[in-house]
Amino acid sequence: MDYEKLSPTSLAFIALTNEYCEIVENCADYSREGFVDSMMKLLPRIYITVLDIEPNLDFSDAFISQALDEPTYEAVRGSISALMGEDDVYLEVFLEDMKYSDSPIATSISENLADLYQEFYNLVASLRDLNTEEQRHILSMCKENFSEYWGQTLCNVLRAIHSLKTNDDFGNY
């Protein structure tokens, strides 16, 4: 890849998403507190960096390949779920279904983090072996997906992780 021609922001975003994938893939090597700390430091940086990516208005030909298979997704989700234990499930208020529900809707940190992993894994896989212009198109599509889907997922799971990090029962934060 021709990294010299991508903006520093784009390069930082790619590096952050790659770091995220590495941490999630190796979550079994972390303590729960260490994993939460890593997510608390990484997720806001990803959020801020994607906001600064300059969109390419013509990305209609861009395609983010679906490189992640279901067994790998489930393995990652299961590893995070095992690590989080009883703290994996939290109540979500920002789901579309919440508008029509009389009762709270539960979701899980592991599913949200695995959804982000899928987005970032597919992004990194799609960027390989493309020329710079094609990479810009893929990054623009990823930013569009951020606006439509994964940005809210990131915010929701960050709220749950923040709650864990600052809860006195969870650790000495």
C-alpha atoms as a PDB file:
ATOM      1  CA  MET A   1       0.000   0.000   0.000  1.00  0.00           C
ATOM      2  CA  ASP A   2       1.089   3.549  -0.654  1.00  0.00           C
ATOM      3  CA  TYR A   3       0.807   4.981   2.860  1.00  0.00           C
ATOM      4  CA  GLU A   4       2.563   8.247   2.023  1.00  0.00           C
ATOM      5  CA  LYS A   5      -0.499   9.507   0.203  1.00  0.00           C
ATOM      6  CA  LEU A   6      -3.074   8.766   2.866  1.00  0.00           C
ATOM      7  CA  SER A   7      -3.626  11.535   5.371  1.00  0.00           C
ATOM      8  CA  PRO A   8      -2.093  11.203   8.842  1.00  0.00           C
ATOM      9  CA  THR A   9      -5.636  10.955  10.213  1.00  0.00           C
ATOM     10  CA  SER A  10      -6.465   8.050   7.911  1.00  0.00           C
ATOM     11  CA  LEU A  11      -3.258   6.278   8.872  1.00  0.00           C
ATOM     12  CA  ALA A  12      -3.990   6.837  12.565  1.00  0.00           C
ATOM     13  CA  PHE A  13      -7.492   5.457  12.135  1.00  0.00           C
ATOM     14  CA  ILE A  14      -6.201   2.339  10.370  1.00  0.00           C
ATOM     15  CA  ALA A  15      -3.605   1.838  13.105  1.00  0.00           C
ATOM     16  CA  LEU A  16      -6.209   2.253  15.864  1.00  0.00           C
ATOM     17  CA  THR A  17      -8.640  -0.182  14.277  1.00  0.00           C
ATOM     18  CA  ASN A  18      -5.840  -2.677  13.809  1.00  0.00           C
ATOM     19  CA  GLU A  19      -4.813  -2.254  17.469  1.00  0.00           C
ATOM     20  CA  TYR A  20      -8.442  -2.778  18.485  1.00  0.00           C
ATOM     21  CA  CYS A  21      -8.590  -6.027  16.511  1.00  0.00           C
ATOM     22  CA  GLU A  22      -5.384  -7.270  18.124  1.00  0.00           C
ATOM     23  CA  ILE A  23      -6.631  -6.534  21.646  1.00  0.00           C
ATOM     24  CA  VAL A  24     -10.011  -8.156  21.030  1.00  0.00           C
ATOM     25  CA  GLU A  25      -8.437 -11.214  19.394  1.00  0.00           C
ATOM     26  CA  ASN A  26      -6.160 -11.629  22.418  1.00  0.00           C
ATOM     27  CA  CYS A  27      -8.623 -10.679  25.156  1.00  0.00           C
ATOM     28  CA  ALA A  28      -8.054 -14.012  26.918  1.00  0.00           C
ATOM     29  CA  ASP A  29      -4.527 -12.768  27.710  1.00  0.00           C
ATOM     30  CA  TYR A  30      -5.964  -9.830  29.678  1.00  0.00           C
ATOM     31  CA  SER A  31      -7.479  -9.533  33.112  1.00  0.00           C
ATOM     32  CA  ARG A  32     -10.996  -8.152  32.997  1.00  0.00           C
ATOM     33  CA  GLU A  33      -9.747  -4.877  34.452  1.00  0.00           C
ATOM     34  CA  GLY A  34      -6.889  -4.683  31.938  1.00  0.00           C
ATOM     35  CA  PHE A  35      -9.256  -5.316  29.056  1.00  0.00           C
ATOM     36  CA  VAL A  36     -11.683  -2.651  30.298  1.00  0.00           C
ATOM     37  CA  ASP A  37      -8.779  -0.213  30.651  1.00  0.00           C
ATOM     38  CA  SER A  38      -7.665  -0.939  27.094  1.00  0.00           C
ATOM     39  CA  MET A  39     -11.157  -0.393  25.706  1.00  0.00           C
ATOM     40  CA  MET A  40     -11.598   2.832  27.714  1.00  0.00           C
ATOM     41  CA  LYS A  41      -8.418   4.216  26.180  1.00  0.00           C
ATOM     42  CA  LEU A  42      -8.925   2.951  22.635  1.00  0.00           C
ATOM     43  CA  LEU A  43     -12.623   3.437  21.847  1.00  0.00           C
ATOM     44  CA  PRO A  44     -12.686   7.243  22.344  1.00  0.00           C
ATOM     45  CA  ARG A  45      -9.566   7.591  20.200  1.00  0.00           C
ATOM     46  CA  ILE A  46     -11.214   5.624  17.398  1.00  0.00           C
ATOM     47  CA  TYR A  47     -14.336   7.783  17.677  1.00  0.00           C
ATOM     48  CA  ILE A  48     -12.419  11.061  17.557  1.00  0.00           C
ATOM     49  CA  THR A  49     -10.161   9.944  14.725  1.00  0.00           C
ATOM     50  CA  VAL A  50     -12.946   8.759  12.424  1.00  0.00           C
ATOM     51  CA  LEU A  51     -14.618  12.160  12.800  1.00  0.00           C
ATOM     52  CA  ASP A  52     -11.523  13.784  11.326  1.00  0.00           C
ATOM     53  CA  ILE A  53     -11.324  11.585   8.223  1.00  0.00           C
ATOM     54  CA  GLU A  54     -12.034  13.698   5.163  1.00  0.00           C
ATOM     55  CA  PRO A  55     -14.885  12.040   3.292  1.00  0.00           C
ATOM     56  CA  ASN A  56     -14.565  11.256  -0.373  1.00  0.00           C
ATOM     57  CA  LEU A  57     -17.956  12.137  -1.765  1.00  0.00           C
ATOM     58  CA  ASP A  58     -17.769   9.599  -4.581  1.00  0.00           C
ATOM     59  CA  PHE A  59     -17.356   6.192  -2.997  1.00  0.00           C
ATOM     60  CA  SER A  60     -20.195   4.430  -4.785  1.00  0.00           C
ATOM     61  CA  ASP A  61     -17.809   1.827  -6.209  1.00  0.00           C
ATOM     62  CA  ALA A  62     -16.200   1.112  -2.831  1.00  0.00           C
ATOM     63  CA  PHE A  63     -16.789  -2.234  -1.249  1.00  0.00           C
ATOM     64  CA  ILE A  64     -15.800  -3.328   2.235  1.00  0.00           C
ATOM     65  CA  SER A  65     -15.381  -7.064   1.902  1.00  0.00           C
ATOM     66  CA  GLN A  66     -16.977  -9.353   4.456  1.00  0.00           C
ATOM     67  CA  ALA A  67     -13.720 -11.076   5.374  1.00  0.00           C
ATOM     68  CA  LEU A  68     -14.689 -12.111   8.908  1.00  0.00           C
ATOM     69  CA  ASP A  69     -16.467 -15.453   9.081  1.00  0.00           C
ATOM     70  CA  GLU A  70     -19.197 -16.352  11.572  1.00  0.00           C
ATOM     71  CA  PRO A  71     -17.125 -18.876  13.588  1.00  0.00           C
ATOM     72  CA  THR A  72     -14.400 -16.274  14.164  1.00  0.00           C
ATOM     73  CA  TYR A  73     -16.982 -13.652  15.137  1.00  0.00           C
ATOM     74  CA  GLU A  74     -18.557 -16.090  17.606  1.00  0.00           C
ATOM     75  CA  ALA A  75     -15.156 -17.072  19.018  1.00  0.00           C
ATOM     76  CA  VAL A  76     -14.310 -13.408  19.660  1.00  0.00           C
ATOM     77  CA  ARG A  77     -17.739 -12.688  21.137  1.00  0.00           C
ATOM     78  CA  GLY A  78     -17.513 -15.780  23.344  1.00  0.00           C
ATOM     79  CA  SER A  79     -14.031 -14.899  24.591  1.00  0.00           C
ATOM     80  CA  ILE A  80     -15.130 -11.394  25.541  1.00  0.00           C
ATOM     81  CA  SER A  81     -18.285 -12.744  27.174  1.00  0.00           C
ATOM     82  CA  ALA A  82     -16.253 -15.207  29.245  1.00  0.00           C
ATOM     83  CA  LEU A  83     -13.865 -12.449  30.287  1.00  0.00           C
ATOM     84  CA  MET A  84     -16.659 -10.052  31.249  1.00  0.00           C
ATOM     85  CA  GLY A  85     -18.665 -12.703  33.096  1.00  0.00           C
ATOM     86  CA  GLU A  86     -21.736 -11.369  34.841  1.00  0.00           C
ATOM     87  CA  ASP A  87     -20.787  -7.823  33.833  1.00  0.00           C
ATOM     88  CA  ASP A  88     -21.317  -8.604  30.135  1.00  0.00           C
ATOM     89  CA  VAL A  89     -25.037  -7.747  30.004  1.00  0.00           C
ATOM     90  CA  TYR A  90     -26.300  -4.190  30.368  1.00  0.00           C
ATOM     91  CA  LEU A  91     -29.521  -2.304  29.714  1.00  0.00           C
ATOM     92  CA  GLU A  92     -29.583  -0.322  26.514  1.00  0.00           C
ATOM     93  CA  VAL A  93     -31.644   2.793  25.957  1.00  0.00           C
ATOM     94  CA  PHE A  94     -30.442   3.880  22.517  1.00  0.00           C
ATOM     95  CA  LEU A  95     -31.802   1.002  20.469  1.00  0.00           C
ATOM     96  CA  GLU A  96     -34.494   1.666  17.877  1.00  0.00           C
ATOM     97  CA  ASP A  97     -36.634  -1.092  19.446  1.00  0.00           C
ATOM     98  CA  MET A  98     -36.669   0.836  22.724  1.00  0.00           C
ATOM     99  CA  LYS A  99     -39.215   3.274  21.225  1.00  0.00           C
ATOM    100  CA  TYR A 100     -41.765   0.463  21.059  1.00  0.00           C
ATOM    101  CA  SER A 101     -40.916  -1.376  24.253  1.00  0.00           C
ATOM    102  CA  ASP A 102     -42.479  -1.052  27.673  1.00  0.00           C
ATOM    103  CA  SER A 103     -39.577  -2.881  29.283  1.00  0.00           C
ATOM    104  CA  PRO A 104     -35.810  -2.402  29.198  1.00  0.00           C
ATOM    105  CA  ILE A 105     -33.813  -4.084  26.482  1.00  0.00           C
ATOM    106  CA  ALA A 106     -30.653  -5.934  27.459  1.00  0.00           C
ATOM    107  CA  THR A 107     -27.592  -6.165  25.266  1.00  0.00           C
ATOM    108  CA  SER A 108     -24.060  -7.291  25.876  1.00  0.00           C
ATOM    109  CA  ILE A 109     -20.638  -5.732  25.873  1.00  0.00           C
ATOM    110  CA  SER A 110     -19.320  -8.818  24.098  1.00  0.00           C
ATOM    111  CA  GLU A 111     -21.797  -8.542  21.226  1.00  0.00           C
ATOM    112  CA  ASN A 112     -21.197  -4.821  20.786  1.00  0.00           C
ATOM    113  CA  LEU A 113     -17.416  -5.224  20.850  1.00  0.00           C
ATOM    114  CA  ALA A 114     -17.647  -8.174  18.444  1.00  0.00           C
ATOM    115  CA  ASP A 115     -19.788  -6.050  16.095  1.00  0.00           C
ATOM    116  CA  LEU A 116     -17.102  -3.354  16.146  1.00  0.00           C
ATOM    117  CA  TYR A 117     -14.459  -6.028  15.628  1.00  0.00           C
ATOM    118  CA  GLN A 118     -16.314  -7.246  12.552  1.00  0.00           C
ATOM    119  CA  GLU A 119     -16.443  -3.724  11.123  1.00  0.00           C
ATOM    120  CA  PHE A 120     -12.765  -3.047  11.784  1.00  0.00           C
ATOM    121  CA  TYR A 121     -11.537  -6.489  10.720  1.00  0.00           C
ATOM    122  CA  ASN A 122     -13.405  -6.163   7.427  1.00  0.00           C
ATOM    123  CA  LEU A 123     -12.043  -2.638   6.973  1.00  0.00           C
ATOM    124  CA  VAL A 124      -8.422  -3.657   7.486  1.00  0.00           C
ATOM    125  CA  ALA A 125      -8.844  -6.704   5.240  1.00  0.00           C
ATOM    126  CA  SER A 126     -10.431  -4.556   2.519  1.00  0.00           C
ATOM    127  CA  LEU A 127      -7.624  -1.988   2.558  1.00  0.00           C
ATOM    128  CA  ARG A 128      -4.907  -4.527   1.812  1.00  0.00           C
ATOM    129  CA  ASP A 129      -3.478  -4.444  -1.685  1.00  0.00           C
ATOM    130  CA  LEU A 130      -5.550  -1.459  -2.834  1.00  0.00           C
ATOM    131  CA  ASN A 131      -4.177   1.691  -4.349  1.00  0.00           C
ATOM    132  CA  THR A 132      -4.441   4.924  -2.385  1.00  0.00           C
ATOM    133  CA  GLU A 133      -7.526   6.199  -4.177  1.00  0.00           C
ATOM    134  CA  GLU A 134      -9.392   2.934  -3.533  1.00  0.00           C
ATOM    135  CA  GLN A 135      -8.307   3.080   0.111  1.00  0.00           C
ATOM    136  CA  ARG A 136      -9.748   6.584   0.399  1.00  0.00           C
ATOM    137  CA  HIS A 137     -13.041   5.289  -0.981  1.00  0.00           C
ATOM    138  CA  ILE A 138     -13.077   2.426   1.550  1.00  0.00           C
ATOM    139  CA  LEU A 139     -12.301   4.826   4.406  1.00  0.00           C
ATOM    140  CA  SER A 140     -15.140   7.109   3.257  1.00  0.00           C
ATOM    141  CA  MET A 141     -17.506   4.161   3.216  1.00  0.00           C
ATOM    142  CA  CYS A 142     -16.353   3.218   6.721  1.00  0.00           C
ATOM    143  CA  LYS A 143     -17.042   6.781   7.876  1.00  0.00           C
ATOM    144  CA  GLU A 144     -20.519   6.549   6.344  1.00  0.00           C
ATOM    145  CA  ASN A 145     -21.058   3.261   8.219  1.00  0.00           C
ATOM    146  CA  PHE A 146     -19.904   5.068  11.365  1.00  0.00           C
ATOM    147  CA  SER A 147     -22.673   7.631  10.915  1.00  0.00           C
ATOM    148  CA  GLU A 148     -25.308   5.033  10.157  1.00  0.00           C
ATOM    149  CA  TYR A 149     -24.402   2.169  12.475  1.00  0.00           C
ATOM    150  CA  TRP A 150     -21.212   1.528  14.334  1.00  0.00           C
ATOM    151  CA  GLY A 151     -20.719   4.995  15.857  1.00  0.00           C
ATOM    152  CA  GLN A 152     -23.780   4.507  18.050  1.00  0.00           C
ATOM    153  CA  THR A 153     -22.645   0.979  18.923  1.00  0.00           C
ATOM    154  CA  LEU A 154     -19.276   2.361  20.008  1.00  0.00           C
ATOM    155  CA  CYS A 155     -20.925   5.026  22.174  1.00  0.00           C
ATOM    156  CA  ASN A 156     -23.323   2.541  23.753  1.00  0.00           C
ATOM    157  CA  VAL A 157     -20.641   0.036  24.705  1.00  0.00           C
ATOM    158  CA  LEU A 158     -18.327   2.805  25.889  1.00  0.00           C
ATOM    159  CA  ARG A 159     -21.050   3.921  28.298  1.00  0.00           C
ATOM    160  CA  ALA A 160     -21.309   0.377  29.683  1.00  0.00           C
ATOM    161  CA  ILE A 161     -17.533   0.008  29.953  1.00  0.00           C
ATOM    162  CA  HIS A 162     -17.287   3.402  31.648  1.00  0.00           C
ATOM    163  CA  SER A 163     -19.810   2.215  34.204  1.00  0.00           C
ATOM    164  CA  LEU A 164     -17.713  -0.878  34.902  1.00  0.00           C
ATOM    165  CA  LYS A 165     -14.504   1.102  35.157  1.00  0.00           C
ATOM    166  CA  THR A 166     -15.915   3.560  37.650  1.00  0.00           C
ATOM    167  CA  ASN A 167     -17.903   1.034  39.704  1.00  0.00           C
ATOM    168  CA  ASP A 168     -16.264   0.508  43.107  1.00  0.00           C
ATOM    169  CA  ASP A 169     -17.152  -3.189  43.026  1.00  0.00           C
ATOM    170  CA  PHE A 170     -15.170  -3.715  39.835  1.00  0.00           C
ATOM    171  CA  GLY A 171     -11.772  -2.491  40.863  1.00  0.00           C
ATOM    172  CA  ASN A 172      -9.734   0.306  42.302  1.00  0.00           C
ATOM    173  CA  TYR A 173     -10.264   3.010  39.754  1.00  0.00           C
END
